[in-house]
Structures are given as C-alpha cells and as structure tokens.
Amino acid sequence: MLHANIKYAPGYNTLDVVKTKPDSIKLIGPSSILRKIKKIDTDNLDVLDVKANINKILTLQLDSIGNKVKTNLKQVQLEVKVSKFSEGVVSLPIEVINVPEGITLNYFPKQISLSYATSLENFKNISAQDFKVVCNYKDAIDNSFLTPNLVKQPASVKNIRLLQQKIEFIIKE
C-alpha cells in the first residue's frame, strides 16, 4: 500500500490517480502465510510544495511478511504528472426529472454556476456541455426546494463545486 503525503504548491495538482508501478507484486511461500497477507506497505514519502513531476523509487516494507515468503520485487516506482492548474466557472441549465404527470413546476434559479479546477493544458477543452446538473423531484425536501446533483463531468477536472445547494420551486396548477 502506498504511503505518500503529497502537498502541491498553490496552483499545482495532478489529474492522475496516484499509484505505484507495478501496482501489485508476486509472493511465493506457504499458503497459510500468504492468506494472511492483505497488503505490503511502501516506505513513507512526504513531499511538500510540489511544482514538478514526481519520479521516486519507494522501498517495500518486506519485514512484515517474514523470511518464509519470497517476492519478485523489493521496490516500486511512483510517477506523478504534476501540472499547473487553473479554476474555471461555467453556468449550466438545471434539468428537473421525475415530475409527476399533471404537475408543472416553476423553479428558481434556472441556471446554476459550477466551479472546477483543471490543468492549463485541458482548460481550453472544457465547456458547459461537458457537465450536467439534475434535480430529482422525488428527492424534494419538504416540498420547498430541490437539491442539484452533478450527473455528468469530464474526467479531466477536479475540485468541482456547485455554487448553489438549493433550488426553490413552486407548483403551478
């Protein structure tokens, strides 16, 4: 299991899932011992104020598995692509679903703002069409407001925040 504490400098982050290569190792030994092994930890890694790619070799903590178990690796590699990030804001239409037949809703606001972070390389490729916000009428709280839920987003964004948590509505007859 990777034990890494990575703190990025302001304006920097990664879109990658932080994991080691390889993500698993082969163990050879008595099955009675192997059944008890759930994970093998790496040495701790603390890196602060990260502004550049990380490429580190981490030693596996093999003492915990005993000398009756052999492995094909003693180290793993940690590679993290670090990029300069920027924040974007888009305004999205709200779609209300599961409104019972015969009921007409008037809700406010009709649009909701959403903020996100992405790498500068991806920033120009992100648009409002990449996101979708839906309110489910079945989940209406006390029949007075709807809760917006993000149901579609691009994989190349992080730290998404809906800038409004409640959508007010009235039933028109």
N, C-alpha and C. Protein backbone atom coordinates (compact mmCIF):
# COMPACT_ATOMS: atom_id res chain seq x y z
N MET A 1 0.84 -1.17 0.00
CA MET A 1 0.00 0.00 0.00
C MET A 1 0.90 1.25 0.00
N LEU A 2 0.58 2.17 -0.85
CA LEU A 2 1.35 3.39 -0.98
C LEU A 2 1.12 4.30 0.23
N HIS A 3 2.20 4.72 0.84
CA HIS A 3 2.14 5.67 1.95
C HIS A 3 2.84 6.96 1.51
N ALA A 4 2.05 7.84 0.87
CA ALA A 4 2.62 9.08 0.36
C ALA A 4 1.76 10.25 0.80
N ASN A 5 2.41 11.26 1.30
CA ASN A 5 1.76 12.51 1.66
C ASN A 5 2.29 13.56 0.69
N ILE A 6 1.48 13.88 -0.31
CA ILE A 6 1.90 14.82 -1.35
C ILE A 6 1.10 16.10 -1.18
N LYS A 7 1.79 17.19 -0.98
CA LYS A 7 1.17 18.51 -0.86
C LYS A 7 1.66 19.36 -2.03
N TYR A 8 0.71 19.75 -2.86
CA TYR A 8 1.06 20.53 -4.05
C TYR A 8 1.18 22.00 -3.71
N ALA A 9 2.05 22.68 -4.42
CA ALA A 9 2.18 24.13 -4.29
C ALA A 9 0.88 24.77 -4.79
N PRO A 10 0.56 25.96 -4.31
CA PRO A 10 -0.66 26.63 -4.81
C PRO A 10 -0.64 26.74 -6.33
N GLY A 11 -1.76 26.35 -6.96
CA GLY A 11 -1.86 26.42 -8.41
C GLY A 11 -1.36 25.19 -9.12
N TYR A 12 -0.94 24.15 -8.39
CA TYR A 12 -0.44 22.91 -8.99
C TYR A 12 -1.24 21.73 -8.46
N ASN A 13 -1.35 20.68 -9.29
CA ASN A 13 -2.05 19.47 -8.88
C ASN A 13 -1.80 18.40 -9.93
N THR A 14 -2.49 17.29 -9.81
CA THR A 14 -2.40 16.23 -10.80
C THR A 14 -3.80 15.74 -11.14
N LEU A 15 -3.98 15.29 -12.35
CA LEU A 15 -5.23 14.66 -12.75
C LEU A 15 -5.14 13.14 -12.63
N ASP A 16 -3.92 12.64 -12.40
CA ASP A 16 -3.69 11.20 -12.32
C ASP A 16 -4.12 10.64 -10.97
N VAL A 17 -4.45 9.36 -10.96
CA VAL A 17 -4.62 8.63 -9.72
C VAL A 17 -3.21 8.29 -9.25
N VAL A 18 -2.89 8.65 -8.02
CA VAL A 18 -1.55 8.42 -7.51
C VAL A 18 -1.42 6.96 -7.10
N LYS A 19 -0.57 6.22 -7.81
CA LYS A 19 -0.35 4.81 -7.51
C LYS A 19 1.05 4.41 -7.95
N THR A 20 1.46 3.25 -7.51
CA THR A 20 2.80 2.77 -7.83
C THR A 20 2.78 1.90 -9.08
N LYS A 21 3.98 1.75 -9.65
CA LYS A 21 4.18 0.84 -10.77
C LYS A 21 5.26 -0.15 -10.36
N PRO A 22 5.00 -1.42 -10.39
CA PRO A 22 3.70 -2.03 -10.61
C PRO A 22 2.78 -1.80 -9.41
N ASP A 23 1.50 -2.06 -9.61
CA ASP A 23 0.54 -1.87 -8.52
C ASP A 23 0.34 -3.14 -7.70
N SER A 24 1.02 -4.21 -8.10
CA SER A 24 0.95 -5.47 -7.34
C SER A 24 2.27 -6.21 -7.53
N ILE A 25 2.54 -7.11 -6.60
CA ILE A 25 3.76 -7.91 -6.68
C ILE A 25 3.42 -9.38 -6.48
N LYS A 26 4.34 -10.24 -6.90
CA LYS A 26 4.15 -11.68 -6.77
C LYS A 26 4.82 -12.15 -5.48
N LEU A 27 4.09 -12.95 -4.70
CA LEU A 27 4.63 -13.52 -3.47
C LEU A 27 4.65 -15.03 -3.59
N ILE A 28 5.72 -15.64 -3.10
CA ILE A 28 5.85 -17.10 -3.13
C ILE A 28 6.15 -17.55 -1.70
N GLY A 29 5.33 -18.50 -1.23
CA GLY A 29 5.52 -19.01 0.12
C GLY A 29 4.39 -19.92 0.51
N PRO A 30 4.39 -20.38 1.77
CA PRO A 30 3.34 -21.27 2.26
C PRO A 30 1.97 -20.58 2.20
N SER A 31 0.96 -21.31 1.71
CA SER A 31 -0.38 -20.71 1.57
C SER A 31 -0.94 -20.25 2.90
N SER A 32 -0.58 -20.91 4.00
CA SER A 32 -1.09 -20.49 5.31
C SER A 32 -0.61 -19.08 5.67
N ILE A 33 0.56 -18.71 5.22
CA ILE A 33 1.09 -17.36 5.47
C ILE A 33 0.54 -16.38 4.43
N LEU A 34 0.52 -16.82 3.17
CA LEU A 34 0.06 -15.93 2.09
C LEU A 34 -1.39 -15.48 2.29
N ARG A 35 -2.24 -16.36 2.81
CA ARG A 35 -3.65 -16.00 3.05
C ARG A 35 -3.79 -14.83 4.02
N LYS A 36 -2.85 -14.69 4.91
CA LYS A 36 -2.93 -13.64 5.94
C LYS A 36 -2.42 -12.29 5.45
N ILE A 37 -1.72 -12.26 4.33
CA ILE A 37 -1.14 -11.02 3.80
C ILE A 37 -2.19 -10.30 2.96
N LYS A 38 -2.61 -9.14 3.39
CA LYS A 38 -3.60 -8.34 2.67
C LYS A 38 -2.95 -7.23 1.85
N LYS A 39 -1.79 -6.74 2.34
CA LYS A 39 -1.11 -5.64 1.66
C LYS A 39 0.34 -5.61 2.10
N ILE A 40 1.12 -4.95 1.28
CA ILE A 40 2.52 -4.67 1.63
C ILE A 40 2.71 -3.18 1.47
N ASP A 41 3.18 -2.56 2.53
CA ASP A 41 3.32 -1.11 2.54
C ASP A 41 4.62 -0.67 1.91
N THR A 42 4.61 0.58 1.42
CA THR A 42 5.84 1.22 0.97
C THR A 42 6.40 2.03 2.14
N ASP A 43 7.64 2.43 2.03
CA ASP A 43 8.17 3.40 2.97
C ASP A 43 7.35 4.68 2.84
N ASN A 44 7.32 5.47 3.90
CA ASN A 44 6.60 6.75 3.87
C ASN A 44 7.33 7.74 2.97
N LEU A 45 6.54 8.50 2.24
CA LEU A 45 7.09 9.56 1.40
C LEU A 45 6.33 10.83 1.70
N ASP A 46 7.04 11.86 2.09
CA ASP A 46 6.45 13.18 2.32
C ASP A 46 7.12 14.15 1.37
N VAL A 47 6.32 14.77 0.51
CA VAL A 47 6.83 15.79 -0.39
C VAL A 47 5.91 17.00 -0.28
N LEU A 48 6.51 18.16 -0.11
CA LEU A 48 5.77 19.40 0.09
C LEU A 48 6.07 20.39 -1.02
N ASP A 49 5.12 21.28 -1.26
CA ASP A 49 5.30 22.37 -2.23
C ASP A 49 5.68 21.85 -3.61
N VAL A 50 4.96 20.81 -4.06
CA VAL A 50 5.27 20.14 -5.32
C VAL A 50 4.84 21.01 -6.50
N LYS A 51 5.81 21.25 -7.41
CA LYS A 51 5.55 22.04 -8.62
C LYS A 51 6.00 21.30 -9.88
N ALA A 52 6.60 20.13 -9.71
CA ALA A 52 7.14 19.38 -10.86
C ALA A 52 6.75 17.92 -10.72
N ASN A 53 6.90 17.18 -11.82
CA ASN A 53 6.58 15.77 -11.80
C ASN A 53 7.36 15.05 -10.71
N ILE A 54 6.74 14.02 -10.15
CA ILE A 54 7.39 13.21 -9.13
C ILE A 54 7.78 11.89 -9.77
N ASN A 55 9.00 11.48 -9.55
CA ASN A 55 9.50 10.19 -10.02
C ASN A 55 10.42 9.65 -8.93
N LYS A 56 9.89 8.76 -8.10
CA LYS A 56 10.63 8.26 -6.93
C LYS A 56 10.56 6.74 -6.89
N ILE A 57 11.62 6.16 -6.41
CA ILE A 57 11.65 4.72 -6.13
C ILE A 57 11.35 4.57 -4.64
N LEU A 58 10.36 3.73 -4.31
CA LEU A 58 9.98 3.50 -2.93
C LEU A 58 10.28 2.06 -2.55
N THR A 59 10.89 1.88 -1.41
CA THR A 59 11.22 0.55 -0.91
C THR A 59 9.98 -0.06 -0.27
N LEU A 60 9.78 -1.34 -0.53
CA LEU A 60 8.67 -2.06 0.09
C LEU A 60 9.08 -2.51 1.49
N GLN A 61 8.16 -2.45 2.41
CA GLN A 61 8.41 -2.90 3.79
C GLN A 61 8.14 -4.40 3.85
N LEU A 62 9.18 -5.17 3.54
CA LEU A 62 9.02 -6.62 3.44
C LEU A 62 9.25 -7.35 4.75
N ASP A 63 9.73 -6.67 5.78
CA ASP A 63 9.97 -7.31 7.07
C ASP A 63 8.68 -7.90 7.65
N SER A 64 7.55 -7.28 7.35
CA SER A 64 6.28 -7.72 7.93
C SER A 64 5.81 -9.07 7.38
N ILE A 65 6.33 -9.51 6.23
CA ILE A 65 5.85 -10.78 5.66
C ILE A 65 6.68 -11.98 6.09
N GLY A 66 7.79 -11.75 6.76
CA GLY A 66 8.61 -12.86 7.26
C GLY A 66 9.57 -13.39 6.22
N ASN A 67 10.45 -14.28 6.68
CA ASN A 67 11.50 -14.79 5.79
C ASN A 67 11.09 -16.04 5.02
N LYS A 68 9.89 -16.57 5.27
CA LYS A 68 9.41 -17.74 4.53
C LYS A 68 8.72 -17.35 3.23
N VAL A 69 8.51 -16.07 3.04
CA VAL A 69 7.85 -15.57 1.83
C VAL A 69 8.87 -14.83 0.98
N LYS A 70 8.90 -15.17 -0.29
CA LYS A 70 9.81 -14.53 -1.23
C LYS A 70 8.98 -13.67 -2.19
N THR A 71 9.63 -12.63 -2.73
CA THR A 71 8.94 -11.74 -3.67
C THR A 71 9.85 -11.42 -4.84
N ASN A 72 9.21 -11.03 -5.94
CA ASN A 72 9.98 -10.70 -7.14
C ASN A 72 10.47 -9.26 -7.13
N LEU A 73 9.97 -8.43 -6.20
CA LEU A 73 10.35 -7.01 -6.15
C LEU A 73 10.69 -6.58 -4.74
N LYS A 74 11.56 -5.64 -4.65
CA LYS A 74 11.87 -5.03 -3.35
C LYS A 74 11.53 -3.54 -3.34
N GLN A 75 11.26 -3.01 -4.55
CA GLN A 75 10.94 -1.59 -4.70
C GLN A 75 9.86 -1.42 -5.76
N VAL A 76 9.17 -0.28 -5.67
CA VAL A 76 8.20 0.11 -6.70
C VAL A 76 8.48 1.55 -7.08
N GLN A 77 7.94 1.95 -8.20
CA GLN A 77 8.17 3.31 -8.68
C GLN A 77 6.89 4.13 -8.56
N LEU A 78 7.04 5.36 -8.11
CA LEU A 78 5.93 6.31 -8.03
C LEU A 78 6.19 7.39 -9.06
N GLU A 79 5.26 7.50 -10.02
CA GLU A 79 5.33 8.56 -11.03
C GLU A 79 4.05 9.36 -10.96
N VAL A 80 4.17 10.66 -10.79
CA VAL A 80 3.01 11.54 -10.74
C VAL A 80 3.27 12.70 -11.69
N LYS A 81 2.37 12.88 -12.67
CA LYS A 81 2.49 14.01 -13.59
C LYS A 81 1.83 15.21 -12.93
N VAL A 82 2.61 16.23 -12.68
CA VAL A 82 2.14 17.44 -12.00
C VAL A 82 2.00 18.55 -13.03
N SER A 83 0.89 19.28 -12.94
CA SER A 83 0.63 20.35 -13.89
C SER A 83 0.21 21.62 -13.17
N LYS A 84 0.39 22.72 -13.85
CA LYS A 84 -0.15 23.99 -13.37
C LYS A 84 -1.65 23.93 -13.58
N PHE A 85 -2.41 24.33 -12.56
CA PHE A 85 -3.86 24.25 -12.61
C PHE A 85 -4.47 25.64 -12.61
N SER A 86 -5.68 25.71 -13.13
CA SER A 86 -6.45 26.93 -13.11
C SER A 86 -7.89 26.58 -12.77
N GLU A 87 -8.61 27.56 -12.25
CA GLU A 87 -10.01 27.34 -11.91
C GLU A 87 -10.89 27.93 -12.99
N GLY A 88 -11.95 27.22 -13.30
CA GLY A 88 -12.93 27.70 -14.26
C GLY A 88 -14.31 27.70 -13.63
N VAL A 89 -15.20 28.49 -14.19
CA VAL A 89 -16.59 28.55 -13.75
C VAL A 89 -17.47 28.48 -14.99
N VAL A 90 -18.49 27.63 -14.94
CA VAL A 90 -19.46 27.54 -16.03
C VAL A 90 -20.85 27.69 -15.45
N SER A 91 -21.75 28.20 -16.26
CA SER A 91 -23.15 28.32 -15.89
C SER A 91 -23.92 27.26 -16.65
N LEU A 92 -24.71 26.47 -15.92
CA LEU A 92 -25.39 25.32 -16.52
C LEU A 92 -26.89 25.41 -16.33
N PRO A 93 -27.65 24.93 -17.31
CA PRO A 93 -29.10 24.83 -17.11
C PRO A 93 -29.38 23.70 -16.13
N ILE A 94 -30.46 23.84 -15.38
CA ILE A 94 -30.87 22.80 -14.44
C ILE A 94 -32.01 22.01 -15.07
N GLU A 95 -31.89 20.70 -15.04
CA GLU A 95 -32.94 19.82 -15.51
C GLU A 95 -33.62 19.18 -14.31
N VAL A 96 -34.96 19.22 -14.27
CA VAL A 96 -35.71 18.59 -13.18
C VAL A 96 -36.34 17.32 -13.74
N ILE A 97 -36.08 16.20 -13.06
CA ILE A 97 -36.61 14.91 -13.51
C ILE A 97 -37.63 14.37 -12.53
N ASN A 98 -38.40 13.40 -12.96
CA ASN A 98 -39.40 12.69 -12.15
C ASN A 98 -40.49 13.60 -11.60
N VAL A 99 -40.88 14.60 -12.39
CA VAL A 99 -42.01 15.44 -12.00
C VAL A 99 -43.28 14.67 -12.37
N PRO A 100 -44.18 14.45 -11.40
CA PRO A 100 -45.40 13.68 -11.70
C PRO A 100 -46.23 14.34 -12.80
N GLU A 101 -46.90 13.50 -13.55
CA GLU A 101 -47.76 13.98 -14.62
C GLU A 101 -48.85 14.87 -14.02
N GLY A 102 -49.14 15.97 -14.69
CA GLY A 102 -50.17 16.89 -14.21
C GLY A 102 -49.64 17.99 -13.32
N ILE A 103 -48.36 17.92 -12.94
CA ILE A 103 -47.76 18.97 -12.10
C ILE A 103 -46.81 19.79 -12.96
N THR A 104 -46.92 21.09 -12.85
CA THR A 104 -46.00 21.99 -13.53
C THR A 104 -45.20 22.73 -12.46
N LEU A 105 -43.89 22.68 -12.59
CA LEU A 105 -43.01 23.33 -11.61
C LEU A 105 -42.48 24.64 -12.17
N ASN A 106 -42.41 25.61 -11.30
CA ASN A 106 -41.67 26.83 -11.60
C ASN A 106 -40.53 26.86 -10.58
N TYR A 107 -39.31 26.84 -11.06
CA TYR A 107 -38.18 26.78 -10.13
C TYR A 107 -37.21 27.92 -10.42
N PHE A 108 -36.46 28.26 -9.36
CA PHE A 108 -35.51 29.35 -9.45
C PHE A 108 -34.28 29.00 -8.64
N PRO A 109 -33.12 29.21 -9.15
CA PRO A 109 -32.78 29.73 -10.48
C PRO A 109 -32.91 28.64 -11.54
N LYS A 110 -32.92 29.05 -12.78
CA LYS A 110 -32.98 28.11 -13.91
C LYS A 110 -31.58 27.65 -14.31
N GLN A 111 -30.58 28.40 -13.91
CA GLN A 111 -29.17 28.09 -14.19
C GLN A 111 -28.42 28.00 -12.87
N ILE A 112 -27.35 27.23 -12.87
CA ILE A 112 -26.52 27.10 -11.68
C ILE A 112 -25.06 27.22 -12.10
N SER A 113 -24.28 27.88 -11.28
CA SER A 113 -22.84 28.01 -11.57
C SER A 113 -22.09 26.88 -10.89
N LEU A 114 -21.05 26.45 -11.56
CA LEU A 114 -20.23 25.35 -11.08
C LEU A 114 -18.77 25.77 -11.26
N SER A 115 -17.96 25.55 -10.24
CA SER A 115 -16.53 25.84 -10.37
C SER A 115 -15.76 24.52 -10.40
N TYR A 116 -14.64 24.53 -11.06
CA TYR A 116 -13.82 23.33 -11.19
C TYR A 116 -12.37 23.74 -11.37
N ALA A 117 -11.49 22.79 -11.18
CA ALA A 117 -10.06 23.01 -11.44
C ALA A 117 -9.61 21.99 -12.47
N THR A 118 -8.73 22.42 -13.34
CA THR A 118 -8.14 21.53 -14.34
C THR A 118 -6.76 22.06 -14.72
N SER A 119 -6.01 21.22 -15.39
CA SER A 119 -4.68 21.64 -15.83
C SER A 119 -4.81 22.70 -16.92
N LEU A 120 -3.79 23.54 -17.03
CA LEU A 120 -3.81 24.57 -18.07
C LEU A 120 -3.90 23.95 -19.46
N GLU A 121 -3.31 22.76 -19.64
CA GLU A 121 -3.37 22.09 -20.95
C GLU A 121 -4.81 21.73 -21.32
N ASN A 122 -5.63 21.38 -20.34
CA ASN A 122 -7.01 20.96 -20.60
C ASN A 122 -8.01 22.10 -20.54
N PHE A 123 -7.60 23.24 -20.00
CA PHE A 123 -8.56 24.31 -19.70
C PHE A 123 -9.39 24.72 -20.92
N LYS A 124 -8.75 24.90 -22.05
CA LYS A 124 -9.48 25.37 -23.24
C LYS A 124 -10.41 24.32 -23.81
N ASN A 125 -10.25 23.06 -23.40
CA ASN A 125 -11.10 21.98 -23.91
C ASN A 125 -12.35 21.73 -23.07
N ILE A 126 -12.48 22.42 -21.94
CA ILE A 126 -13.62 22.23 -21.04
C ILE A 126 -14.70 23.25 -21.39
N SER A 127 -15.95 22.76 -21.49
CA SER A 127 -17.07 23.67 -21.76
C SER A 127 -18.27 23.25 -20.92
N ALA A 128 -19.29 24.08 -20.90
CA ALA A 128 -20.51 23.79 -20.14
C ALA A 128 -21.15 22.49 -20.61
N GLN A 129 -21.00 22.14 -21.88
CA GLN A 129 -21.61 20.92 -22.41
C GLN A 129 -21.00 19.65 -21.81
N ASP A 130 -19.85 19.78 -21.16
CA ASP A 130 -19.20 18.63 -20.53
C ASP A 130 -19.82 18.26 -19.18
N PHE A 131 -20.70 19.13 -18.66
CA PHE A 131 -21.31 18.93 -17.35
C PHE A 131 -22.82 18.83 -17.50
N LYS A 132 -23.46 18.18 -16.53
CA LYS A 132 -24.92 18.15 -16.49
C LYS A 132 -25.36 18.14 -15.03
N VAL A 133 -26.33 19.02 -14.71
CA VAL A 133 -26.88 19.10 -13.37
C VAL A 133 -28.36 18.75 -13.43
N VAL A 134 -28.77 17.84 -12.53
CA VAL A 134 -30.15 17.37 -12.50
C VAL A 134 -30.68 17.50 -11.07
N CYS A 135 -31.95 17.89 -10.96
CA CYS A 135 -32.67 17.86 -9.69
C CYS A 135 -33.75 16.80 -9.81
N ASN A 136 -33.85 15.93 -8.84
CA ASN A 136 -34.85 14.87 -8.85
C ASN A 136 -36.02 15.30 -7.96
N TYR A 137 -37.19 15.46 -8.58
CA TYR A 137 -38.38 15.89 -7.83
C TYR A 137 -38.71 14.92 -6.70
N LYS A 138 -38.43 13.64 -6.89
CA LYS A 138 -38.71 12.64 -5.85
C LYS A 138 -37.92 12.91 -4.57
N ASP A 139 -36.81 13.63 -4.70
CA ASP A 139 -35.97 13.94 -3.54
C ASP A 139 -36.22 15.34 -2.99
N ALA A 140 -37.31 15.98 -3.38
CA ALA A 140 -37.61 17.34 -2.92
C ALA A 140 -37.70 17.36 -1.39
N ILE A 141 -37.05 18.34 -0.80
CA ILE A 141 -37.02 18.48 0.65
C ILE A 141 -38.21 19.31 1.10
N ASP A 142 -39.07 18.74 1.93
CA ASP A 142 -40.23 19.45 2.49
C ASP A 142 -41.06 20.15 1.42
N ASN A 143 -41.04 19.64 0.22
CA ASN A 143 -41.78 20.25 -0.89
C ASN A 143 -41.52 21.74 -1.05
N SER A 144 -40.30 22.16 -0.71
CA SER A 144 -39.99 23.58 -0.88
C SER A 144 -38.71 23.84 -1.67
N PHE A 145 -37.80 22.86 -1.70
CA PHE A 145 -36.62 23.07 -2.53
C PHE A 145 -36.08 21.75 -3.06
N LEU A 146 -35.36 21.86 -4.16
CA LEU A 146 -34.73 20.73 -4.84
C LEU A 146 -33.23 20.80 -4.59
N THR A 147 -32.59 19.64 -4.64
CA THR A 147 -31.14 19.57 -4.46
C THR A 147 -30.49 19.27 -5.80
N PRO A 148 -29.62 20.17 -6.28
CA PRO A 148 -28.94 19.90 -7.55
C PRO A 148 -27.86 18.83 -7.39
N ASN A 149 -27.79 17.93 -8.37
CA ASN A 149 -26.78 16.87 -8.38
C ASN A 149 -26.04 16.88 -9.70
N LEU A 150 -24.74 16.81 -9.62
CA LEU A 150 -23.91 16.73 -10.81
C LEU A 150 -23.94 15.29 -11.31
N VAL A 151 -24.43 15.06 -12.52
CA VAL A 151 -24.55 13.71 -13.05
C VAL A 151 -23.61 13.44 -14.24
N LYS A 152 -22.96 14.50 -14.73
CA LYS A 152 -22.02 14.32 -15.84
C LYS A 152 -20.90 15.32 -15.66
N GLN A 153 -19.67 14.83 -15.82
CA GLN A 153 -18.50 15.69 -15.72
C GLN A 153 -17.35 15.06 -16.50
N PRO A 154 -16.44 15.88 -17.00
CA PRO A 154 -15.29 15.30 -17.70
C PRO A 154 -14.29 14.73 -16.70
N ALA A 155 -13.53 13.75 -17.12
CA ALA A 155 -12.53 13.12 -16.26
C ALA A 155 -11.37 14.06 -15.98
N SER A 156 -11.20 15.09 -16.78
CA SER A 156 -10.03 15.96 -16.66
C SER A 156 -10.25 17.16 -15.73
N VAL A 157 -11.22 17.06 -14.81
CA VAL A 157 -11.45 18.14 -13.84
C VAL A 157 -11.41 17.60 -12.43
N LYS A 158 -11.12 18.49 -11.48
CA LYS A 158 -11.08 18.15 -10.06
C LYS A 158 -11.77 19.26 -9.28
N ASN A 159 -11.99 18.99 -8.01
CA ASN A 159 -12.49 20.00 -7.06
C ASN A 159 -13.74 20.72 -7.59
N ILE A 160 -14.71 19.94 -8.01
CA ILE A 160 -15.94 20.52 -8.55
C ILE A 160 -16.84 20.96 -7.40
N ARG A 161 -17.37 22.17 -7.53
CA ARG A 161 -18.29 22.70 -6.52
C ARG A 161 -19.47 23.35 -7.21
N LEU A 162 -20.67 22.93 -6.81
CA LEU A 162 -21.86 23.64 -7.24
C LEU A 162 -21.98 24.85 -6.33
N LEU A 163 -22.16 26.03 -6.92
CA LEU A 163 -22.14 27.26 -6.14
C LEU A 163 -23.49 27.58 -5.50
N GLN A 164 -24.46 26.71 -5.70
CA GLN A 164 -25.75 26.84 -5.03
C GLN A 164 -26.21 25.43 -4.66
N GLN A 165 -26.69 25.25 -3.43
CA GLN A 165 -27.07 23.92 -2.96
C GLN A 165 -28.56 23.67 -2.94
N LYS A 166 -29.36 24.72 -3.11
CA LYS A 166 -30.81 24.57 -3.07
C LYS A 166 -31.44 25.30 -4.24
N ILE A 167 -32.43 24.65 -4.84
CA ILE A 167 -33.20 25.25 -5.92
C ILE A 167 -34.64 25.35 -5.40
N GLU A 168 -35.13 26.57 -5.31
CA GLU A 168 -36.50 26.78 -4.83
C GLU A 168 -37.49 26.50 -5.94
N PHE A 169 -38.68 26.02 -5.55
CA PHE A 169 -39.70 25.75 -6.55
C PHE A 169 -41.10 25.97 -5.97
N ILE A 170 -42.00 26.21 -6.88
CA ILE A 170 -43.43 26.23 -6.52
C ILE A 170 -44.17 25.40 -7.57
N ILE A 171 -45.29 24.85 -7.13
CA ILE A 171 -46.09 24.03 -8.04
C ILE A 171 -47.16 24.94 -8.63
N LYS A 172 -47.20 24.99 -9.96
CA LYS A 172 -48.22 25.77 -10.66
C LYS A 172 -49.38 24.85 -11.00
N GLU A 173 -50.57 25.31 -10.78
CA GLU A 173 -51.75 24.49 -11.10
C GLU A 173 -52.52 25.04 -12.26
